[in-house]
Amino acid sequence: MSETMDDRPISTPVSGTAPPPAAPAPIVAPEPEAKGASAPLHATGSAIPAEELERLTADIVAALKSVYDPEIPADIYELGLIYRVDISDDRNVDIDMTLTAPGCPVAGEMPGWVENAVSLVPGVGNVAVSMVFDPAWTPERMSDEAKVALDWY
């Protein structure tokens, strides 16, 4: 993954045909070597107006930061548990997330917590959360803020 994304080409419909459906606007979480998960997310290539997309992005990140693993005193965003967030042009949100360990006691519940939190963001449509374990989570994915909260310095 990359912190920046290329702009998608704009296609002009041929007379009498509908334009092709627009691809979702990916929000890309930073790579572990990008100094933690709190680095800004970037979004491009959307039919959603840029101002609205920036607001949605900020509000979604704020919602993600309201979800905590009950065993760890840091939010899931700063822990680096969010791998991917896509906002489609119809404002539906797809999220790929992981856990610090596959055997986490709240593995069955946490995706619902994330879905509920993001669903409360004004302007967001349907929210789908997928649990992924590839790549495996490592402490290097944590932001500096999470490392301070966990006294990992």
Protein backbone atom coordinates (compact mmCIF):
# COMPACT_ATOMS: atom_id res chain seq x y z
CA MET A 1 0.00 0.00 0.00
CA SER A 2 1.01 3.55 -0.52
CA GLU A 3 0.14 6.69 1.39
CA THR A 4 -0.69 8.53 -1.81
CA MET A 5 -2.90 7.36 -4.58
CA ASP A 6 -2.92 8.09 -8.28
CA ASP A 7 -5.77 10.09 -9.78
CA ARG A 8 -8.16 7.99 -11.76
CA PRO A 9 -8.72 8.99 -15.39
CA ILE A 10 -12.04 10.60 -16.19
CA SER A 11 -13.89 8.81 -18.97
CA THR A 12 -16.29 10.57 -21.26
CA PRO A 13 -19.41 8.51 -22.10
CA VAL A 14 -20.15 7.78 -25.71
CA SER A 15 -23.39 9.40 -26.86
CA GLY A 16 -26.37 7.30 -25.83
CA THR A 17 -24.52 5.26 -23.21
CA ALA A 18 -24.34 5.63 -19.48
CA PRO A 19 -21.00 6.39 -17.86
CA PRO A 20 -19.28 3.46 -16.22
CA PRO A 21 -19.84 3.14 -12.47
CA ALA A 22 -17.30 5.05 -10.43
CA ALA A 23 -14.85 3.10 -8.34
CA PRO A 24 -14.87 3.58 -4.56
CA ALA A 25 -12.58 6.22 -3.13
CA PRO A 26 -10.03 4.27 -1.14
CA ILE A 27 -8.72 5.64 2.11
CA VAL A 28 -5.38 4.03 2.63
CA ALA A 29 -3.96 3.38 6.08
CA PRO A 30 -0.22 3.98 6.21
CA GLU A 31 2.33 1.20 6.02
CA PRO A 32 3.94 0.24 9.34
CA GLU A 33 7.13 2.08 8.44
CA ALA A 34 5.08 5.27 7.99
CA LYS A 35 5.50 6.09 11.71
CA GLY A 36 2.26 4.52 12.99
CA ALA A 37 -1.40 4.46 12.12
CA SER A 38 -2.10 8.07 13.01
CA ALA A 39 -0.55 9.38 9.80
CA PRO A 40 -3.20 11.08 7.67
CA LEU A 41 -5.32 9.04 5.30
CA HIS A 42 -5.53 10.15 1.69
CA ALA A 43 -8.50 9.84 -0.64
CA THR A 44 -8.68 10.46 -4.38
CA GLY A 45 -10.68 9.48 -7.43
CA SER A 46 -14.18 9.99 -6.03
CA ALA A 47 -17.34 11.54 -7.39
CA ILE A 48 -18.00 12.83 -3.87
CA PRO A 49 -17.02 16.52 -3.65
CA ALA A 50 -13.55 16.90 -2.15
CA GLU A 51 -14.74 18.92 0.87
CA GLU A 52 -17.38 16.33 1.73
CA LEU A 53 -14.94 13.47 1.23
CA GLU A 54 -12.43 15.12 3.58
CA ARG A 55 -15.18 15.63 6.19
CA LEU A 56 -16.36 12.01 5.85
CA THR A 57 -12.77 10.80 6.13
CA ALA A 58 -12.11 12.84 9.28
CA ASP A 59 -15.42 11.78 10.84
CA ILE A 60 -14.82 8.10 10.04
CA VAL A 61 -11.34 8.26 11.59
CA ALA A 62 -12.86 9.93 14.68
CA ALA A 63 -15.45 7.15 14.88
CA LEU A 64 -12.73 4.49 14.56
CA LYS A 65 -10.79 6.20 17.34
CA SER A 66 -13.83 5.81 19.63
CA VAL A 67 -13.49 2.00 19.54
CA TYR A 68 -11.13 0.41 22.08
CA ASP A 69 -9.97 -3.12 22.65
CA PRO A 70 -11.10 -3.61 26.26
CA GLU A 71 -7.76 -5.23 27.16
CA ILE A 72 -5.58 -2.44 25.70
CA PRO A 73 -5.76 1.27 26.70
CA ALA A 74 -5.45 2.55 23.11
CA ASP A 75 -8.01 2.89 20.33
CA ILE A 76 -8.06 0.50 17.37
CA TYR A 77 -7.01 3.18 14.88
CA GLU A 78 -3.87 4.16 16.80
CA LEU A 79 -3.12 0.48 17.43
CA GLY A 80 -2.95 0.03 13.65
CA LEU A 81 -5.81 -2.46 13.50
CA ILE A 82 -7.51 -0.68 10.58
CA TYR A 83 -5.96 -1.83 7.31
CA ARG A 84 -8.32 -0.33 4.73
CA VAL A 85 -11.32 1.99 4.52
CA ASP A 86 -13.13 2.50 1.20
CA ILE A 87 -15.87 5.09 0.77
CA SER A 88 -17.91 4.40 -2.37
CA ASP A 89 -19.56 7.16 -4.38
CA ASP A 90 -22.89 6.18 -2.79
CA ARG A 91 -21.21 6.72 0.61
CA ASN A 92 -21.15 3.07 1.64
CA VAL A 93 -18.06 2.21 3.67
CA ASP A 94 -16.02 -1.01 3.50
CA ILE A 95 -13.45 -1.59 6.24
CA ASP A 96 -10.73 -4.22 6.54
CA MET A 97 -9.44 -4.61 10.06
CA THR A 98 -7.46 -7.08 12.10
CA LEU A 99 -6.83 -7.95 15.73
CA THR A 100 -3.65 -7.96 17.78
CA ALA A 101 -4.06 -11.77 17.89
CA PRO A 102 -6.52 -14.09 16.09
CA GLY A 103 -7.57 -15.56 19.45
CA CYS A 104 -8.60 -12.17 20.86
CA PRO A 105 -11.57 -12.65 23.23
CA VAL A 106 -13.59 -9.90 21.49
CA ALA A 107 -12.91 -11.15 17.94
CA GLY A 108 -16.59 -11.85 17.36
CA GLU A 109 -17.76 -8.54 18.79
CA MET A 110 -15.26 -5.93 17.62
CA PRO A 111 -16.37 -5.81 13.95
CA GLY A 112 -19.87 -4.96 15.19
CA TRP A 113 -18.49 -2.20 17.40
CA VAL A 114 -16.63 -0.75 14.41
CA GLU A 115 -19.71 -1.03 12.17
CA ASN A 116 -21.90 0.69 14.78
CA ALA A 117 -19.42 3.52 15.36
CA VAL A 118 -18.91 4.28 11.66
CA SER A 119 -22.65 3.93 10.91
CA LEU A 120 -23.29 6.89 13.23
CA VAL A 121 -21.20 9.23 11.03
CA PRO A 122 -23.57 11.65 9.25
CA GLY A 123 -23.65 10.98 5.51
CA VAL A 124 -22.40 7.38 5.70
CA GLY A 125 -24.53 4.71 4.02
CA ASN A 126 -24.09 1.01 4.70
CA VAL A 127 -20.99 -0.13 6.57
CA ALA A 128 -19.33 -3.52 6.03
CA VAL A 129 -16.44 -4.65 8.24
CA SER A 130 -14.20 -7.56 7.22
CA MET A 131 -11.76 -9.23 9.57
CA VAL A 132 -8.41 -9.98 7.89
CA PHE A 133 -5.27 -11.58 9.26
CA ASP A 134 -2.93 -11.10 6.30
CA PRO A 135 -0.67 -9.36 6.90
CA ALA A 136 -0.54 -10.28 10.55
CA TRP A 137 -0.63 -7.37 12.97
CA THR A 138 2.68 -6.44 14.58
CA PRO A 139 3.51 -3.77 17.17
CA GLU A 140 5.28 -1.76 14.45
CA ARG A 141 1.81 -0.83 13.13
CA MET A 142 1.09 1.18 16.30
CA SER A 143 1.31 4.95 16.21
CA ASP A 144 3.58 6.83 18.57
CA GLU A 145 0.45 7.84 20.51
CA ALA A 146 -0.46 4.17 21.09
CA LYS A 147 3.12 3.33 22.08
CA VAL A 148 3.09 6.12 24.68
CA ALA A 149 -0.31 4.95 26.00
CA LEU A 150 1.08 1.43 26.37
CA ASP A 151 4.42 2.65 27.78
CA TRP A 152 6.31 0.90 24.97
CA TYR A 153 9.08 3.50 24.85
